[in-house]
Amino acid sequence: MKKYYEDAKYNAAFVRCVDVMSQMLQKYGHQVLDKLEQDAQQKVEHSEERNQAQPLTNKAA
């Protein structure tokens, strides 16, 4: 086991934390990425709709 902290208790806790985080990334990482991709596409679609649907009164000359 690699030494990150001087205190063995903190070192073990850090290693466990990294282990849990890496397991979570492996298990749920693809779901998170898919959700982020869907949200990004919805934002793009929403902004395109907003740009196209402006009434003429907003474009005063």
C-alpha atoms as a PDB file:
ATOM      1  CA  MET A   1       0.000   0.000   0.000  1.00  0.00           C
ATOM      2  CA  LYS A   2       1.354   3.394  -0.995  1.00  0.00           C
ATOM      3  CA  LYS A   3       1.913   6.014   1.698  1.00  0.00           C
ATOM      4  CA  TYR A   4      -0.054   9.248   1.174  1.00  0.00           C
ATOM      5  CA  TYR A   5      -0.330  10.411   4.805  1.00  0.00           C
ATOM      6  CA  GLU A   6       1.983   9.988   7.769  1.00  0.00           C
ATOM      7  CA  ASP A   7      -0.808   8.670   9.985  1.00  0.00           C
ATOM      8  CA  ALA A   8      -1.694   5.101   8.989  1.00  0.00           C
ATOM      9  CA  LYS A   9      -5.360   5.659   9.876  1.00  0.00           C
ATOM     10  CA  TYR A  10      -5.675   8.604   7.471  1.00  0.00           C
ATOM     11  CA  ASN A  11      -3.737   6.756   4.807  1.00  0.00           C
ATOM     12  CA  ALA A  12      -6.055   3.734   5.000  1.00  0.00           C
ATOM     13  CA  ALA A  13      -9.146   5.970   4.913  1.00  0.00           C
ATOM     14  CA  PHE A  14      -7.821   7.781   1.836  1.00  0.00           C
ATOM     15  CA  VAL A  15      -7.096   4.522   0.026  1.00  0.00           C
ATOM     16  CA  ARG A  16     -10.607   3.238   0.841  1.00  0.00           C
ATOM     17  CA  CYS A  17     -12.135   6.486  -0.399  1.00  0.00           C
ATOM     18  CA  VAL A  18     -10.240   6.294  -3.688  1.00  0.00           C
ATOM     19  CA  ASP A  19     -11.259   2.661  -4.062  1.00  0.00           C
ATOM     20  CA  VAL A  20     -14.949   3.451  -3.521  1.00  0.00           C
ATOM     21  CA  MET A  21     -14.828   6.411  -5.911  1.00  0.00           C
ATOM     22  CA  SER A  22     -13.162   4.343  -8.637  1.00  0.00           C
ATOM     23  CA  GLN A  23     -15.766   1.586  -8.225  1.00  0.00           C
ATOM     24  CA  MET A  24     -18.562   4.153  -8.488  1.00  0.00           C
ATOM     25  CA  LEU A  25     -17.010   5.623 -11.632  1.00  0.00           C
ATOM     26  CA  GLN A  26     -16.768   2.197 -13.197  1.00  0.00           C
ATOM     27  CA  LYS A  27     -20.341   1.324 -12.262  1.00  0.00           C
ATOM     28  CA  TYR A  28     -22.152   4.618 -12.927  1.00  0.00           C
ATOM     29  CA  GLY A  29     -19.774   6.584 -15.169  1.00  0.00           C
ATOM     30  CA  HIS A  30     -21.510   5.726 -18.425  1.00  0.00           C
ATOM     31  CA  GLN A  31     -24.899   6.744 -16.987  1.00  0.00           C
ATOM     32  CA  VAL A  32     -23.546  10.106 -15.858  1.00  0.00           C
ATOM     33  CA  LEU A  33     -21.957  10.765 -19.241  1.00  0.00           C
ATOM     34  CA  ASP A  34     -25.171   9.836 -21.054  1.00  0.00           C
ATOM     35  CA  LYS A  35     -27.174  12.184 -18.817  1.00  0.00           C
ATOM     36  CA  LEU A  36     -24.722  15.039 -19.384  1.00  0.00           C
ATOM     37  CA  GLU A  37     -24.902  14.469 -23.136  1.00  0.00           C
ATOM     38  CA  GLN A  38     -28.726  14.521 -23.077  1.00  0.00           C
ATOM     39  CA  ASP A  39     -28.746  17.723 -21.014  1.00  0.00           C
ATOM     40  CA  ALA A  40     -26.321  19.380 -23.429  1.00  0.00           C
ATOM     41  CA  GLN A  41     -28.476  18.433 -26.426  1.00  0.00           C
ATOM     42  CA  GLN A  42     -31.591  19.793 -24.715  1.00  0.00           C
ATOM     43  CA  LYS A  43     -29.851  23.084 -24.001  1.00  0.00           C
ATOM     44  CA  VAL A  44     -28.823  23.412 -27.642  1.00  0.00           C
ATOM     45  CA  GLU A  45     -32.345  22.608 -28.844  1.00  0.00           C
ATOM     46  CA  HIS A  46     -33.857  25.026 -26.345  1.00  0.00           C
ATOM     47  CA  SER A  47     -31.537  27.854 -27.339  1.00  0.00           C
ATOM     48  CA  GLU A  48     -32.261  27.248 -31.049  1.00  0.00           C
ATOM     49  CA  GLU A  49     -36.008  27.406 -30.364  1.00  0.00           C
ATOM     50  CA  ARG A  50     -35.604  30.603 -28.380  1.00  0.00           C
ATOM     51  CA  ASN A  51     -33.585  32.238 -31.168  1.00  0.00           C
ATOM     52  CA  GLN A  52     -36.128  31.321 -33.844  1.00  0.00           C
ATOM     53  CA  ALA A  53     -39.323  32.205 -31.970  1.00  0.00           C
ATOM     54  CA  GLN A  54     -38.716  35.883 -31.211  1.00  0.00           C
ATOM     55  CA  PRO A  55     -41.632  38.211 -31.921  1.00  0.00           C
ATOM     56  CA  LEU A  56     -41.064  41.164 -34.241  1.00  0.00           C
ATOM     57  CA  THR A  57     -41.727  43.641 -31.410  1.00  0.00           C
ATOM     58  CA  ASN A  58     -38.381  42.669 -29.870  1.00  0.00           C
ATOM     59  CA  LYS A  59     -36.584  43.723 -33.064  1.00  0.00           C
ATOM     60  CA  ALA A  60     -37.441  47.425 -32.975  1.00  0.00           C
ATOM     61  CA  ALA A  61     -35.537  49.520 -35.484  1.00  0.00           C
END
